[in-house]
């Protein structure tokens, strides 16, 4: 009986060994065949569409790009959970419906929070508009 329990883990160990050896092999081959450093600055310079670039190739990106990417992944993965629910909707009954309404409510609250915090505002921040008093100003004396 203990031998059977160990036999159940053989496919997992084989897969882990294959993954480690494949990753190691890729690293070794890329190191052996990879580029060894620049000798010609003209060949190393960025070149696109027959013109020299106007801006440096290493420029900083706004964190908004990464924030939007993370939000996309987050909401995209959560929306994937809707598919199995839709497939088994009838067999889940009212309990499944209430659970999915709660799940969607959490998604909507999260989306509202992201929008309220300004995570998707790409324009420059506008200063707060001051409200003028309704009383007329006394400029004429």
Protein backbone atom coordinates (compact mmCIF):
# COMPACT_ATOMS: atom_id res chain seq x y z
CA UNK A 1 0.00 0.00 0.00
CA UNK A 2 2.76 2.56 0.77
CA UNK A 3 4.32 1.77 -2.62
CA UNK A 4 1.07 2.74 -4.32
CA UNK A 5 1.08 6.13 -2.56
CA UNK A 6 4.62 6.80 -3.82
CA UNK A 7 3.64 5.70 -7.33
CA UNK A 8 0.95 8.37 -7.37
CA UNK A 9 3.63 11.06 -7.05
CA UNK A 10 5.83 9.80 -9.89
CA UNK A 11 4.04 11.85 -12.61
CA UNK A 12 4.33 15.00 -10.49
CA UNK A 13 8.03 14.40 -9.89
CA UNK A 14 8.59 13.72 -13.60
CA UNK A 15 6.80 16.93 -14.53
CA UNK A 16 8.81 18.95 -11.98
CA UNK A 17 12.05 17.39 -13.25
CA UNK A 18 11.07 18.14 -16.83
CA UNK A 19 10.23 21.77 -15.96
CA UNK A 20 13.53 22.34 -14.12
CA UNK A 21 15.61 20.68 -16.86
CA UNK A 22 13.78 22.57 -19.63
CA UNK A 23 14.32 25.92 -17.88
CA UNK A 24 17.98 25.12 -17.19
CA UNK A 25 18.55 24.00 -20.77
CA UNK A 26 17.00 27.21 -22.11
CA UNK A 27 19.21 29.34 -19.87
CA UNK A 28 22.37 27.46 -20.87
CA UNK A 29 21.59 27.55 -24.60
CA UNK A 30 20.75 31.26 -24.52
CA UNK A 31 24.00 31.95 -22.64
CA UNK A 32 26.02 29.91 -25.18
CA UNK A 33 24.37 31.37 -28.29
CA UNK A 34 23.64 34.83 -26.96
CA UNK A 35 25.20 38.11 -27.97
CA UNK A 36 28.46 38.90 -26.23
CA UNK A 37 28.58 42.67 -26.19
CA UNK A 38 28.72 45.54 -28.59
CA UNK A 39 31.70 46.22 -30.78
CA UNK A 40 30.08 48.55 -33.31
CA UNK A 41 28.04 51.50 -31.95
CA UNK A 42 26.24 51.93 -35.27
CA UNK A 43 24.98 48.36 -35.15
CA UNK A 44 23.98 48.75 -31.50
CA UNK A 45 21.97 51.96 -31.99
CA UNK A 46 18.22 51.84 -32.28
CA UNK A 47 16.97 52.10 -35.85
CA UNK A 48 13.38 52.18 -36.95
CA UNK A 49 11.80 52.80 -40.34
CA UNK A 50 14.99 54.19 -41.85
CA UNK A 51 15.26 57.07 -39.38
CA UNK A 52 17.25 57.63 -36.24
CA UNK A 53 15.04 57.80 -33.14
CA UNK A 54 14.06 61.23 -31.90
CA UNK A 55 13.85 60.27 -28.25
CA UNK A 56 16.18 58.16 -26.13
CA UNK A 57 15.29 54.48 -26.19
CA UNK A 58 15.34 54.25 -22.40
CA UNK A 59 12.63 56.53 -21.12
CA UNK A 60 10.50 56.24 -18.04
CA UNK A 61 6.91 55.14 -18.36
CA UNK A 62 4.17 56.41 -16.14
CA UNK A 63 3.06 54.00 -13.45
CA UNK A 64 -0.46 54.35 -14.91
CA UNK A 65 0.50 51.87 -17.66
CA UNK A 66 1.32 49.20 -15.11
CA UNK A 67 -1.67 50.05 -12.94
CA UNK A 68 -4.07 49.67 -15.84
CA UNK A 69 -2.41 46.37 -16.81
CA UNK A 70 -2.77 45.02 -13.27
CA UNK A 71 -6.39 46.15 -13.07
CA UNK A 72 -7.12 44.51 -16.42
CA UNK A 73 -5.62 41.23 -15.23
CA UNK A 74 -7.45 41.43 -11.92
CA UNK A 75 -10.90 42.09 -13.38
CA UNK A 76 -10.32 39.78 -16.34
CA UNK A 77 -9.49 36.83 -14.09
CA UNK A 78 -12.46 37.55 -11.87
CA UNK A 79 -14.81 37.70 -14.84
CA UNK A 80 -13.56 34.26 -15.92
CA UNK A 81 -15.39 32.86 -12.88
CA UNK A 82 -18.68 33.88 -14.50
CA UNK A 83 -18.39 31.19 -17.18
CA UNK A 84 -18.60 28.12 -14.92
CA UNK A 85 -21.43 29.77 -13.03
CA UNK A 86 -23.34 30.37 -16.27
CA UNK A 87 -22.85 26.74 -17.31
CA UNK A 88 -24.17 25.37 -14.01
CA UNK A 89 -26.71 28.12 -13.33
CA UNK A 90 -29.82 25.93 -13.33
CA UNK A 91 -28.37 23.25 -11.09
CA UNK A 92 -27.16 25.79 -8.48
CA UNK A 93 -30.59 27.23 -7.88
CA UNK A 94 -31.25 30.31 -5.75
CA UNK A 95 -28.11 29.79 -3.64
CA UNK A 96 -25.90 30.02 -6.75
CA UNK A 97 -27.77 33.09 -7.94
CA UNK A 98 -27.32 34.90 -4.61
CA UNK A 99 -23.64 33.96 -4.46
CA UNK A 100 -23.08 35.32 -7.97
CA UNK A 101 -24.95 38.53 -7.16
CA UNK A 102 -22.65 38.99 -4.17
CA UNK A 103 -19.60 38.25 -6.34
CA UNK A 104 -20.68 40.78 -8.96
CA UNK A 105 -21.44 43.31 -6.22
CA UNK A 106 -17.89 42.96 -4.93
CA UNK A 107 -16.63 43.47 -8.49
CA UNK A 108 -18.75 46.59 -8.93
CA UNK A 109 -17.62 48.00 -5.57
CA UNK A 110 -14.00 47.33 -6.54
CA UNK A 111 -14.50 49.00 -9.91
CA UNK A 112 -16.17 51.98 -8.25
CA UNK A 113 -13.26 52.28 -5.82
CA UNK A 114 -10.72 52.20 -8.67
CA UNK A 115 -12.59 54.89 -10.59
CA UNK A 116 -13.13 57.02 -7.47
CA UNK A 117 -9.42 56.89 -6.64
CA UNK A 118 -8.64 58.14 -10.16
CA UNK A 119 -6.65 55.10 -11.25
CA UNK A 120 -8.02 55.43 -14.78
CA UNK A 121 -7.68 59.22 -15.11
CA UNK A 122 -4.93 59.78 -17.66
CA UNK A 123 -5.18 63.55 -17.96
CA UNK A 124 -3.45 66.06 -15.73
CA UNK A 125 -5.12 66.68 -12.42
CA UNK A 126 -7.36 69.70 -12.42
CA UNK A 127 -7.40 71.98 -9.42
CA UNK A 128 -10.57 72.06 -7.40
CA UNK A 129 -13.04 74.61 -8.66
CA UNK A 130 -13.76 77.27 -6.07
CA UNK A 131 -17.35 78.36 -5.78
CA UNK A 132 -17.83 82.12 -5.96
CA UNK A 133 -20.12 83.68 -3.44
CA UNK A 134 -23.56 84.62 -4.68
CA UNK A 135 -23.31 88.17 -3.21
CA UNK A 136 -22.33 90.82 -5.77
CA UNK A 137 -18.88 92.31 -5.30
CA UNK A 138 -18.63 95.92 -4.32
CA UNK A 139 -16.19 97.32 -6.85
CA UNK A 140 -17.96 100.55 -7.59
CA UNK A 141 -17.62 103.16 -4.85
